[in-house]
Amino acid sequence: MSLSRVKWACRRGMLELDVLFEPFVNQHYTGLNEQDKACFVRLLSCEDPELFAWFMGHETCPDAELAQMVIKVRGRDAA
């Protein structure tokens, strides 16, 4: 997926997700390896209520790879 499409996919229906995804993709996406880029794109295909629950810590993502990406995004969103 091209960077412009990834940036577009980061625009969500929830402001809380926008403020996590947009800085991450603008500052860190291009530095990810190909596997992490693919994982991030897969994360973006998830539904907003699921993402919100995972990022806010209300639920744990059942997919280990996606759960690791959630941690990466949460850890770097303010960087």
PDB file of N, CA and C in Angstrom:
ATOM      1  N   MET A   1       0.856  -1.169   0.000  1.00  0.00           N
ATOM      2  CA  MET A   1       0.000   0.000   0.000  1.00  0.00           C
ATOM      3  C   MET A   1       0.906   1.237   0.000  1.00  0.00           C
ATOM      4  N   SER A   2       0.571   2.206  -0.807  1.00  0.00           N
ATOM      5  CA  SER A   2       1.375   3.422  -0.887  1.00  0.00           C
ATOM      6  C   SER A   2       1.233   4.244   0.395  1.00  0.00           C
ATOM      7  N   LEU A   3       2.201   5.089   0.646  1.00  0.00           N
ATOM      8  CA  LEU A   3       2.182   5.925   1.838  1.00  0.00           C
ATOM      9  C   LEU A   3       0.946   6.825   1.866  1.00  0.00           C
ATOM     10  N   SER A   4       0.560   7.360   0.734  1.00  0.00           N
ATOM     11  CA  SER A   4      -0.619   8.224   0.715  1.00  0.00           C
ATOM     12  C   SER A   4      -1.886   7.447   1.076  1.00  0.00           C
ATOM     13  N   ARG A   5      -1.987   6.199   0.658  1.00  0.00           N
ATOM     14  CA  ARG A   5      -3.148   5.373   1.017  1.00  0.00           C
ATOM     15  C   ARG A   5      -3.129   5.002   2.495  1.00  0.00           C
ATOM     16  N   VAL A   6      -1.933   4.757   3.029  1.00  0.00           N
ATOM     17  CA  VAL A   6      -1.814   4.469   4.459  1.00  0.00           C
ATOM     18  C   VAL A   6      -2.245   5.694   5.264  1.00  0.00           C
ATOM     19  N   LYS A   7      -1.766   6.873   4.850  1.00  0.00           N
ATOM     20  CA  LYS A   7      -2.165   8.106   5.546  1.00  0.00           C
ATOM     21  C   LYS A   7      -3.673   8.298   5.489  1.00  0.00           C
ATOM     22  N   TRP A   8      -4.269   8.013   4.350  1.00  0.00           N
ATOM     23  CA  TRP A   8      -5.723   8.147   4.225  1.00  0.00           C
ATOM     24  C   TRP A   8      -6.441   7.157   5.147  1.00  0.00           C
ATOM     25  N   ALA A   9      -5.933   5.932   5.222  1.00  0.00           N
ATOM     26  CA  ALA A   9      -6.539   4.906   6.080  1.00  0.00           C
ATOM     27  C   ALA A   9      -6.411   5.255   7.560  1.00  0.00           C
ATOM     28  N   CYS A  10      -5.448   6.097   7.901  1.00  0.00           N
ATOM     29  CA  CYS A  10      -5.272   6.524   9.292  1.00  0.00           C
ATOM     30  C   CYS A  10      -6.356   7.503   9.733  1.00  0.00           C
ATOM     31  N   ARG A  11      -7.055   8.077   8.796  1.00  0.00           N
ATOM     32  CA  ARG A  11      -8.144   8.996   9.144  1.00  0.00           C
ATOM     33  C   ARG A  11      -9.352   8.150   9.511  1.00  0.00           C
ATOM     34  N   ARG A  12      -9.696   8.173  10.777  1.00  0.00           N
ATOM     35  CA  ARG A  12     -10.731   7.294  11.302  1.00  0.00           C
ATOM     36  C   ARG A  12     -11.977   8.087  11.661  1.00  0.00           C
ATOM     37  N   GLY A  13     -12.976   7.374  12.142  1.00  0.00           N
ATOM     38  CA  GLY A  13     -14.202   8.017  12.586  1.00  0.00           C
ATOM     39  C   GLY A  13     -14.152   8.481  14.028  1.00  0.00           C
ATOM     40  N   MET A  14     -13.033   8.185  14.703  1.00  0.00           N
ATOM     41  CA  MET A  14     -12.877   8.560  16.112  1.00  0.00           C
ATOM     42  C   MET A  14     -11.636   9.439  16.258  1.00  0.00           C
ATOM     43  N   LEU A  15     -11.814  10.585  16.860  1.00  0.00           N
ATOM     44  CA  LEU A  15     -10.707  11.505  17.070  1.00  0.00           C
ATOM     45  C   LEU A  15      -9.593  10.849  17.882  1.00  0.00           C
ATOM     46  N   GLU A  16      -9.960  10.027  18.853  1.00  0.00           N
ATOM     47  CA  GLU A  16      -8.970   9.365  19.699  1.00  0.00           C
ATOM     48  C   GLU A  16      -8.014   8.503  18.879  1.00  0.00           C
ATOM     49  N   LEU A  17      -8.529   7.878  17.835  1.00  0.00           N
ATOM     50  CA  LEU A  17      -7.676   7.058  16.964  1.00  0.00           C
ATOM     51  C   LEU A  17      -6.862   7.933  16.016  1.00  0.00           C
ATOM     52  N   ASP A  18      -7.474   8.991  15.523  1.00  0.00           N
ATOM     53  CA  ASP A  18      -6.749   9.908  14.642  1.00  0.00           C
ATOM     54  C   ASP A  18      -5.499  10.453  15.325  1.00  0.00           C
ATOM     55  N   VAL A  19      -5.619  10.835  16.592  1.00  0.00           N
ATOM     56  CA  VAL A  19      -4.472  11.432  17.277  1.00  0.00           C
ATOM     57  C   VAL A  19      -3.387  10.403  17.598  1.00  0.00           C
ATOM     58  N   LEU A  20      -3.695   9.130  17.502  1.00  0.00           N
ATOM     59  CA  LEU A  20      -2.683   8.085  17.632  1.00  0.00           C
ATOM     60  C   LEU A  20      -2.045   7.747  16.290  1.00  0.00           C
ATOM     61  N   PHE A  21      -2.884   7.505  15.300  1.00  0.00           N
ATOM     62  CA  PHE A  21      -2.396   7.023  14.011  1.00  0.00           C
ATOM     63  C   PHE A  21      -1.665   8.075  13.188  1.00  0.00           C
ATOM     64  N   GLU A  22      -2.215   9.265  13.088  1.00  0.00           N
ATOM     65  CA  GLU A  22      -1.625  10.256  12.192  1.00  0.00           C
ATOM     66  C   GLU A  22      -0.204  10.635  12.577  1.00  0.00           C
ATOM     67  N   PRO A  23       0.091  10.943  13.837  1.00  0.00           N
ATOM     68  CA  PRO A  23       1.491  11.239  14.174  1.00  0.00           C
ATOM     69  C   PRO A  23       2.406  10.031  13.956  1.00  0.00           C
ATOM     70  N   PHE A  24       1.912   8.840  14.286  1.00  0.00           N
ATOM     71  CA  PHE A  24       2.729   7.643  14.107  1.00  0.00           C
ATOM     72  C   PHE A  24       3.096   7.450  12.639  1.00  0.00           C
ATOM     73  N   VAL A  25       2.122   7.529  11.763  1.00  0.00           N
ATOM     74  CA  VAL A  25       2.417   7.290  10.348  1.00  0.00           C
ATOM     75  C   VAL A  25       3.293   8.403   9.781  1.00  0.00           C
ATOM     76  N   ASN A  26       3.087   9.628  10.221  1.00  0.00           N
ATOM     77  CA  ASN A  26       3.895  10.741   9.714  1.00  0.00           C
ATOM     78  C   ASN A  26       5.336  10.691  10.207  1.00  0.00           C
ATOM     79  N   GLN A  27       5.553  10.186  11.416  1.00  0.00           N
ATOM     80  CA  GLN A  27       6.887  10.223  12.001  1.00  0.00           C
ATOM     81  C   GLN A  27       7.633   8.892  11.953  1.00  0.00           C
ATOM     82  N   HIS A  28       6.921   7.760  11.909  1.00  0.00           N
ATOM     83  CA  HIS A  28       7.593   6.482  12.086  1.00  0.00           C
ATOM     84  C   HIS A  28       7.345   5.436  10.990  1.00  0.00           C
ATOM     85  N   TYR A  29       6.287   5.566  10.231  1.00  0.00           N
ATOM     86  CA  TYR A  29       5.920   4.505   9.286  1.00  0.00           C
ATOM     87  C   TYR A  29       7.039   4.186   8.304  1.00  0.00           C
ATOM     88  N   THR A  30       7.644   5.199   7.720  1.00  0.00           N
ATOM     89  CA  THR A  30       8.662   4.940   6.697  1.00  0.00           C
ATOM     90  C   THR A  30       9.891   4.242   7.274  1.00  0.00           C
ATOM     91  N   GLY A  31      10.118   4.329   8.581  1.00  0.00           N
ATOM     92  CA  GLY A  31      11.250   3.669   9.212  1.00  0.00           C
ATOM     93  C   GLY A  31      10.987   2.224   9.608  1.00  0.00           C
ATOM     94  N   LEU A  32       9.748   1.771   9.448  1.00  0.00           N
ATOM     95  CA  LEU A  32       9.408   0.387   9.794  1.00  0.00           C
ATOM     96  C   LEU A  32       9.939  -0.571   8.741  1.00  0.00           C
ATOM     97  N   ASN A  33      10.229  -1.805   9.149  1.00  0.00           N
ATOM     98  CA  ASN A  33      10.591  -2.816   8.154  1.00  0.00           C
ATOM     99  C   ASN A  33       9.314  -3.263   7.429  1.00  0.00           C
ATOM    100  N   GLU A  34       9.477  -4.026   6.377  1.00  0.00           N
ATOM    101  CA  GLU A  34       8.332  -4.406   5.542  1.00  0.00           C
ATOM    102  C   GLU A  34       7.291  -5.221   6.311  1.00  0.00           C
ATOM    103  N   GLN A  35       7.753  -6.081   7.199  1.00  0.00           N
ATOM    104  CA  GLN A  35       6.821  -6.894   7.990  1.00  0.00           C
ATOM    105  C   GLN A  35       5.987  -6.001   8.911  1.00  0.00           C
ATOM    106  N   ASP A  36       6.624  -5.023   9.552  1.00  0.00           N
ATOM    107  CA  ASP A  36       5.889  -4.119  10.436  1.00  0.00           C
ATOM    108  C   ASP A  36       4.951  -3.210   9.645  1.00  0.00           C
ATOM    109  N   LYS A  37       5.370  -2.798   8.462  1.00  0.00           N
ATOM    110  CA  LYS A  37       4.474  -1.995   7.616  1.00  0.00           C
ATOM    111  C   LYS A  37       3.222  -2.796   7.277  1.00  0.00           C
ATOM    112  N   ALA A  38       3.412  -4.052   6.903  1.00  0.00           N
ATOM    113  CA  ALA A  38       2.267  -4.902   6.566  1.00  0.00           C
ATOM    114  C   ALA A  38       1.372  -5.105   7.787  1.00  0.00           C
ATOM    115  N   CYS A  39       1.971  -5.260   8.943  1.00  0.00           N
ATOM    116  CA  CYS A  39       1.194  -5.424  10.168  1.00  0.00           C
ATOM    117  C   CYS A  39       0.404  -4.156  10.477  1.00  0.00           C
ATOM    118  N   PHE A  40       1.027  -3.002  10.313  1.00  0.00           N
ATOM    119  CA  PHE A  40       0.333  -1.735  10.556  1.00  0.00           C
ATOM    120  C   PHE A  40      -0.856  -1.578   9.609  1.00  0.00           C
ATOM    121  N   VAL A  41      -0.654  -1.916   8.344  1.00  0.00           N
ATOM    122  CA  VAL A  41      -1.749  -1.842   7.370  1.00  0.00           C
ATOM    123  C   VAL A  41      -2.868  -2.802   7.773  1.00  0.00           C
ATOM    124  N   ARG A  42      -2.508  -3.979   8.254  1.00  0.00           N
ATOM    125  CA  ARG A  42      -3.507  -4.935   8.714  1.00  0.00           C
ATOM    126  C   ARG A  42      -4.256  -4.385   9.928  1.00  0.00           C
ATOM    127  N   LEU A  43      -3.535  -3.712  10.808  1.00  0.00           N
ATOM    128  CA  LEU A  43      -4.167  -3.084  11.972  1.00  0.00           C
ATOM    129  C   LEU A  43      -5.203  -2.052  11.526  1.00  0.00           C
ATOM    130  N   LEU A  44      -4.868  -1.292  10.501  1.00  0.00           N
ATOM    131  CA  LEU A  44      -5.793  -0.269  10.002  1.00  0.00           C
ATOM    132  C   LEU A  44      -7.065  -0.860   9.409  1.00  0.00           C
ATOM    133  N   SER A  45      -7.045  -2.155   9.071  1.00  0.00           N
ATOM    134  CA  SER A  45      -8.240  -2.780   8.512  1.00  0.00           C
ATOM    135  C   SER A  45      -9.237  -3.195   9.599  1.00  0.00           C
ATOM    136  N   CYS A  46      -8.830  -3.091  10.850  1.00  0.00           N
ATOM    137  CA  CYS A  46      -9.721  -3.453  11.960  1.00  0.00           C
ATOM    138  C   CYS A  46     -10.774  -2.360  12.183  1.00  0.00           C
ATOM    139  N   GLU A  47     -11.842  -2.735  12.832  1.00  0.00           N
ATOM    140  CA  GLU A  47     -12.937  -1.809  13.099  1.00  0.00           C
ATOM    141  C   GLU A  47     -12.568  -0.839  14.228  1.00  0.00           C
ATOM    142  N   ASP A  48     -13.091   0.378  14.134  1.00  0.00           N
ATOM    143  CA  ASP A  48     -12.781   1.408  15.119  1.00  0.00           C
ATOM    144  C   ASP A  48     -13.102   1.002  16.558  1.00  0.00           C
ATOM    145  N   PRO A  49     -14.246   0.382  16.854  1.00  0.00           N
ATOM    146  CA  PRO A  49     -14.503   0.005  18.250  1.00  0.00           C
ATOM    147  C   PRO A  49     -13.466  -0.971  18.820  1.00  0.00           C
ATOM    148  N   GLU A  50     -12.999  -1.910  17.972  1.00  0.00           N
ATOM    149  CA  GLU A  50     -11.944  -2.836  18.395  1.00  0.00           C
ATOM    150  C   GLU A  50     -10.652  -2.074  18.673  1.00  0.00           C
ATOM    151  N   LEU A  51     -10.276  -1.234  17.718  1.00  0.00           N
ATOM    152  CA  LEU A  51      -9.046  -0.462  17.870  1.00  0.00           C
ATOM    153  C   LEU A  51      -9.090   0.399  19.123  1.00  0.00           C
ATOM    154  N   PHE A  52     -10.208   1.059  19.336  1.00  0.00           N
ATOM    155  CA  PHE A  52     -10.354   1.915  20.509  1.00  0.00           C
ATOM    156  C   PHE A  52     -10.156   1.102  21.784  1.00  0.00           C
ATOM    157  N   ALA A  53     -10.779  -0.056  21.863  1.00  0.00           N
ATOM    158  CA  ALA A  53     -10.664  -0.909  23.055  1.00  0.00           C
ATOM    159  C   ALA A  53      -9.222  -1.356  23.268  1.00  0.00           C
ATOM    160  N   TRP A  54      -8.523  -1.698  22.199  1.00  0.00           N
ATOM    161  CA  TRP A  54      -7.140  -2.144  22.317  1.00  0.00           C
ATOM    162  C   TRP A  54      -6.220  -1.006  22.743  1.00  0.00           C
ATOM    163  N   PHE A  55      -6.378   0.152  22.092  1.00  0.00           N
ATOM    164  CA  PHE A  55      -5.485   1.268  22.390  1.00  0.00           C
ATOM    165  C   PHE A  55      -5.754   1.886  23.753  1.00  0.00           C
ATOM    166  N   MET A  56      -6.964   1.837  24.211  1.00  0.00           N
ATOM    167  CA  MET A  56      -7.303   2.391  25.520  1.00  0.00           C
ATOM    168  C   MET A  56      -7.079   1.387  26.650  1.00  0.00           C
ATOM    169  N   GLY A  57      -6.735   0.154  26.293  1.00  0.00           N
ATOM    170  CA  GLY A  57      -6.443  -0.863  27.288  1.00  0.00           C
ATOM    171  C   GLY A  57      -7.658  -1.534  27.892  1.00  0.00           C
ATOM    172  N   HIS A  58      -8.814  -1.354  27.262  1.00  0.00           N
ATOM    173  CA  HIS A  58     -10.031  -2.000  27.752  1.00  0.00           C
ATOM    174  C   HIS A  58     -10.064  -3.481  27.414  1.00  0.00           C
ATOM    175  N   GLU A  59      -9.401  -3.845  26.311  1.00  0.00           N
ATOM    176  CA  GLU A  59      -9.321  -5.238  25.866  1.00  0.00           C
ATOM    177  C   GLU A  59      -7.912  -5.480  25.339  1.00  0.00           C
ATOM    178  N   THR A  60      -7.548  -6.743  25.257  1.00  0.00           N
ATOM    179  CA  THR A  60      -6.277  -7.134  24.657  1.00  0.00           C
ATOM    180  C   THR A  60      -6.565  -7.707  23.285  1.00  0.00           C
ATOM    181  N   CYS A  61      -5.808  -7.273  22.313  1.00  0.00           N
ATOM    182  CA  CYS A  61      -5.966  -7.798  20.957  1.00  0.00           C
ATOM    183  C   CYS A  61      -5.629  -9.284  20.956  1.00  0.00           C
ATOM    184  N   PRO A  62      -6.508 -10.125  20.393  1.00  0.00           N
ATOM    185  CA  PRO A  62      -6.246 -11.570  20.388  1.00  0.00           C
ATOM    186  C   PRO A  62      -5.142 -12.000  19.419  1.00  0.00           C
ATOM    187  N   ASP A  63      -4.802 -11.150  18.469  1.00  0.00           N
ATOM    188  CA  ASP A  63      -3.743 -11.444  17.497  1.00  0.00           C
ATOM    189  C   ASP A  63      -2.423 -10.896  18.051  1.00  0.00           C
ATOM    190  N   ALA A  64      -1.473 -11.757  18.326  1.00  0.00           N
ATOM    191  CA  ALA A  64      -0.215 -11.357  18.967  1.00  0.00           C
ATOM    192  C   ALA A  64       0.560 -10.324  18.145  1.00  0.00           C
ATOM    193  N   GLU A  65       0.586 -10.501  16.835  1.00  0.00           N
ATOM    194  CA  GLU A  65       1.324  -9.561  15.981  1.00  0.00           C
ATOM    195  C   GLU A  65       0.682  -8.172  16.022  1.00  0.00           C
ATOM    196  N   LEU A  66      -0.640  -8.128  15.931  1.00  0.00           N
ATOM    197  CA  LEU A  66      -1.341  -6.843  16.015  1.00  0.00           C
ATOM    198  C   LEU A  66      -1.186  -6.229  17.401  1.00  0.00           C
ATOM    199  N   ALA A  67      -1.208  -7.062  18.433  1.00  0.00           N
ATOM    200  CA  ALA A  67      -1.039  -6.560  19.796  1.00  0.00           C
ATOM    201  C   ALA A  67       0.320  -5.876  19.948  1.00  0.00           C
ATOM    202  N   GLN A  68       1.346  -6.447  19.332  1.00  0.00           N
ATOM    203  CA  GLN A  68       2.673  -5.822  19.373  1.00  0.00           C
ATOM    204  C   GLN A  68       2.678  -4.488  18.637  1.00  0.00           C
ATOM    205  N   MET A  69       1.946  -4.410  17.531  1.00  0.00           N
ATOM    206  CA  MET A  69       1.881  -3.151  16.784  1.00  0.00           C
ATOM    207  C   MET A  69       1.135  -2.092  17.601  1.00  0.00           C
ATOM    208  N   VAL A  70       0.101  -2.487  18.307  1.00  0.00           N
ATOM    209  CA  VAL A  70      -0.608  -1.555  19.188  1.00  0.00           C
ATOM    210  C   VAL A  70       0.377  -0.968  20.196  1.00  0.00           C
ATOM    211  N   ILE A  71       1.217  -1.810  20.770  1.00  0.00           N
ATOM    212  CA  ILE A  71       2.214  -1.343  21.735  1.00  0.00           C
ATOM    213  C   ILE A  71       3.187  -0.377  21.072  1.00  0.00           C
ATOM    214  N   LYS A  72       3.625  -0.693  19.852  1.00  0.00           N
ATOM    215  CA  LYS A  72       4.549   0.195  19.139  1.00  0.00           C
ATOM    216  C   LYS A  72       3.918   1.555  18.883  1.00  0.00           C
ATOM    217  N   VAL A  73       2.682   1.556  18.418  1.00  0.00           N
ATOM    218  CA  VAL A  73       2.011   2.819  18.117  1.00  0.00           C
ATOM    219  C   VAL A  73       1.805   3.611  19.405  1.00  0.00           C
ATOM    220  N   ARG A  74       1.340   2.961  20.438  1.00  0.00           N
ATOM    221  CA  ARG A  74       1.117   3.659  21.725  1.00  0.00           C
ATOM    222  C   ARG A  74       2.419   4.193  22.296  1.00  0.00           C
ATOM    223  N   GLY A  75       3.500   3.475  22.104  1.00  0.00           N
ATOM    224  CA  GLY A  75       4.785   3.907  22.638  1.00  0.00           C
ATOM    225  C   GLY A  75       5.419   5.037  21.881  1.00  0.00           C
ATOM    226  N   ARG A  76       5.028   5.217  20.643  1.00  0.00           N
ATOM    227  CA  ARG A  76       5.664   6.235  19.790  1.00  0.00           C
ATOM    228  C   ARG A  76       4.733   7.375  19.419  1.00  0.00           C
ATOM    229  N   ASP A  77       3.493   7.328  19.847  1.00  0.00           N
ATOM    230  CA  ASP A  77       2.542   8.344  19.397  1.00  0.00           C
ATOM    231  C   ASP A  77       2.932   9.742  19.847  1.00  0.00           C
ATOM    232  N   ALA A  78       3.627   9.866  20.961  1.00  0.00           N
ATOM    233  CA  ALA A  78       3.989  11.184  21.458  1.00  0.00           C
ATOM    234  C   ALA A  78       5.428  11.552  21.101  1.00  0.00           C
ATOM    235  N   ALA A  79       6.126  10.658  20.418  1.00  0.00           N
ATOM    236  CA  ALA A  79       7.535  10.906  20.093  1.00  0.00           C
ATOM    237  C   ALA A  79       7.690  11.952  19.013  1.00  0.00           C
TER     238      ALA A  79
END
